[in-house]
């Protein structure tokens, strides 16, 4: 997999920036990406050392569009915790 298939985008929301512990960042990642691939991609792209990676699949909601109902796509989220002394400036990348 290429890096663009592994790291889709950082998740920059109020909840992800304030409620997560220090040195933990949230990313949207590819559905087929595993923890090892995510760790390598973050280390290579941002130039930091990653301590842990936690992943979860966010299930798509069923929404109504007029008379029809449709399901949004599932997507994967990763919480990446960096080693001590490491940091990422998400707003510049």
C-alpha atoms as a PDB file:
ATOM      1  CA  UNK A   1       0.000   0.000   0.000  1.00  0.00           C
ATOM      2  CA  UNK A   2       1.119   3.538  -0.674  1.00  0.00           C
ATOM      3  CA  UNK A   3       1.256   6.166   2.047  1.00  0.00           C
ATOM      4  CA  UNK A   4      -1.753   8.001   0.568  1.00  0.00           C
ATOM      5  CA  UNK A   5      -3.791   4.787   0.988  1.00  0.00           C
ATOM      6  CA  UNK A   6      -2.712   4.432   4.619  1.00  0.00           C
ATOM      7  CA  UNK A   7      -2.932   7.997   5.995  1.00  0.00           C
ATOM      8  CA  UNK A   8      -6.006   9.746   4.605  1.00  0.00           C
ATOM      9  CA  UNK A   9      -6.077  12.863   6.816  1.00  0.00           C
ATOM     10  CA  UNK A  10      -5.572  14.014  10.397  1.00  0.00           C
ATOM     11  CA  UNK A  11      -8.784  14.503  12.342  1.00  0.00           C
ATOM     12  CA  UNK A  12      -8.774  18.045  13.718  1.00  0.00           C
ATOM     13  CA  UNK A  13     -11.908  18.561  15.775  1.00  0.00           C
ATOM     14  CA  UNK A  14     -12.547  20.075  19.165  1.00  0.00           C
ATOM     15  CA  UNK A  15     -13.001  16.647  20.703  1.00  0.00           C
ATOM     16  CA  UNK A  16      -9.849  15.170  19.165  1.00  0.00           C
ATOM     17  CA  UNK A  17      -7.652  18.104  20.207  1.00  0.00           C
ATOM     18  CA  UNK A  18      -8.890  18.682  23.760  1.00  0.00           C
ATOM     19  CA  UNK A  19     -10.098  15.374  25.177  1.00  0.00           C
ATOM     20  CA  UNK A  20      -7.246  13.131  24.016  1.00  0.00           C
ATOM     21  CA  UNK A  21      -4.198  12.732  26.282  1.00  0.00           C
ATOM     22  CA  UNK A  22      -0.995  14.601  25.436  1.00  0.00           C
ATOM     23  CA  UNK A  23       1.008  13.221  22.513  1.00  0.00           C
ATOM     24  CA  UNK A  24      -2.041  11.386  21.110  1.00  0.00           C
ATOM     25  CA  UNK A  25      -3.376  12.304  17.680  1.00  0.00           C
ATOM     26  CA  UNK A  26      -6.327  11.023  15.628  1.00  0.00           C
ATOM     27  CA  UNK A  27      -6.084  10.116  11.947  1.00  0.00           C
ATOM     28  CA  UNK A  28      -8.475   8.818   9.326  1.00  0.00           C
ATOM     29  CA  UNK A  29      -6.751   5.844   7.729  1.00  0.00           C
ATOM     30  CA  UNK A  30      -7.527   3.349   4.980  1.00  0.00           C
ATOM     31  CA  UNK A  31      -9.848   0.468   5.855  1.00  0.00           C
ATOM     32  CA  UNK A  32      -7.240  -2.118   4.887  1.00  0.00           C
ATOM     33  CA  UNK A  33      -4.337  -0.461   6.736  1.00  0.00           C
ATOM     34  CA  UNK A  34      -3.030  -2.330   9.775  1.00  0.00           C
ATOM     35  CA  UNK A  35      -1.292  -0.971  12.884  1.00  0.00           C
ATOM     36  CA  UNK A  36       2.236  -1.651  11.636  1.00  0.00           C
ATOM     37  CA  UNK A  37       1.601   0.154   8.350  1.00  0.00           C
ATOM     38  CA  UNK A  38       0.022   3.119  10.163  1.00  0.00           C
ATOM     39  CA  UNK A  39       2.979   3.352  12.551  1.00  0.00           C
ATOM     40  CA  UNK A  40       5.516   3.310   9.699  1.00  0.00           C
ATOM     41  CA  UNK A  41       3.544   5.883   7.674  1.00  0.00           C
ATOM     42  CA  UNK A  42       3.268   8.353  10.582  1.00  0.00           C
ATOM     43  CA  UNK A  43       6.951   7.928  11.461  1.00  0.00           C
ATOM     44  CA  UNK A  44       8.026   8.447   7.851  1.00  0.00           C
ATOM     45  CA  UNK A  45       5.673  11.354   7.039  1.00  0.00           C
ATOM     46  CA  UNK A  46       6.034  13.373  10.260  1.00  0.00           C
ATOM     47  CA  UNK A  47       9.545  12.275  11.295  1.00  0.00           C
ATOM     48  CA  UNK A  48       8.582  11.201  14.838  1.00  0.00           C
ATOM     49  CA  UNK A  49       8.750   8.021  16.936  1.00  0.00           C
ATOM     50  CA  UNK A  50       5.398   6.298  17.546  1.00  0.00           C
ATOM     51  CA  UNK A  51       4.802   4.414  20.789  1.00  0.00           C
ATOM     52  CA  UNK A  52       1.334   2.891  20.245  1.00  0.00           C
ATOM     53  CA  UNK A  53      -1.417   2.755  17.615  1.00  0.00           C
ATOM     54  CA  UNK A  54      -5.055   1.999  18.428  1.00  0.00           C
ATOM     55  CA  UNK A  55      -7.583   1.520  15.626  1.00  0.00           C
ATOM     56  CA  UNK A  56     -11.340   1.311  15.292  1.00  0.00           C
ATOM     57  CA  UNK A  57     -13.796   1.047  12.432  1.00  0.00           C
ATOM     58  CA  UNK A  58     -16.468   3.743  12.423  1.00  0.00           C
ATOM     59  CA  UNK A  59     -19.634   2.249  10.982  1.00  0.00           C
ATOM     60  CA  UNK A  60     -21.486   4.338   8.410  1.00  0.00           C
ATOM     61  CA  UNK A  61     -24.842   5.781   9.387  1.00  0.00           C
ATOM     62  CA  UNK A  62     -28.094   5.020   7.613  1.00  0.00           C
ATOM     63  CA  UNK A  63     -29.400   8.331   6.253  1.00  0.00           C
ATOM     64  CA  UNK A  64     -32.542   9.339   4.404  1.00  0.00           C
ATOM     65  CA  UNK A  65     -32.458  11.144   1.079  1.00  0.00           C
ATOM     66  CA  UNK A  66     -36.091  11.996   0.360  1.00  0.00           C
ATOM     67  CA  UNK A  67     -37.920   8.671   0.163  1.00  0.00           C
ATOM     68  CA  UNK A  68     -34.760   6.618  -0.116  1.00  0.00           C
ATOM     69  CA  UNK A  69     -32.524   5.398   2.638  1.00  0.00           C
ATOM     70  CA  UNK A  70     -28.833   4.873   2.043  1.00  0.00           C
ATOM     71  CA  UNK A  71     -25.849   3.863   4.123  1.00  0.00           C
ATOM     72  CA  UNK A  72     -22.705   5.949   4.343  1.00  0.00           C
ATOM     73  CA  UNK A  73     -19.375   4.174   3.908  1.00  0.00           C
ATOM     74  CA  UNK A  74     -17.488   2.686   6.839  1.00  0.00           C
ATOM     75  CA  UNK A  75     -14.139   4.298   7.649  1.00  0.00           C
ATOM     76  CA  UNK A  76     -11.231   3.573   9.959  1.00  0.00           C
ATOM     77  CA  UNK A  77      -9.853   5.830  12.679  1.00  0.00           C
ATOM     78  CA  UNK A  78      -6.447   5.492  14.337  1.00  0.00           C
ATOM     79  CA  UNK A  79      -5.282   6.996  17.632  1.00  0.00           C
ATOM     80  CA  UNK A  80      -1.502   7.400  17.488  1.00  0.00           C
ATOM     81  CA  UNK A  81       0.465   7.981  20.704  1.00  0.00           C
ATOM     82  CA  UNK A  82       3.944   9.400  20.257  1.00  0.00           C
ATOM     83  CA  UNK A  83       7.043   8.694  22.343  1.00  0.00           C
ATOM     84  CA  UNK A  84       8.037  11.114  25.102  1.00  0.00           C
ATOM     85  CA  UNK A  85       9.365  14.419  23.807  1.00  0.00           C
ATOM     86  CA  UNK A  86       7.864  13.947  20.325  1.00  0.00           C
ATOM     87  CA  UNK A  87       5.172  16.213  18.892  1.00  0.00           C
ATOM     88  CA  UNK A  88       3.351  16.848  15.606  1.00  0.00           C
ATOM     89  CA  UNK A  89       2.171  20.234  14.384  1.00  0.00           C
ATOM     90  CA  UNK A  90      -0.943  19.113  12.499  1.00  0.00           C
ATOM     91  CA  UNK A  91      -1.805  22.623  11.326  1.00  0.00           C
ATOM     92  CA  UNK A  92       1.351  22.991   9.197  1.00  0.00           C
ATOM     93  CA  UNK A  93       1.314  19.596   7.451  1.00  0.00           C
END
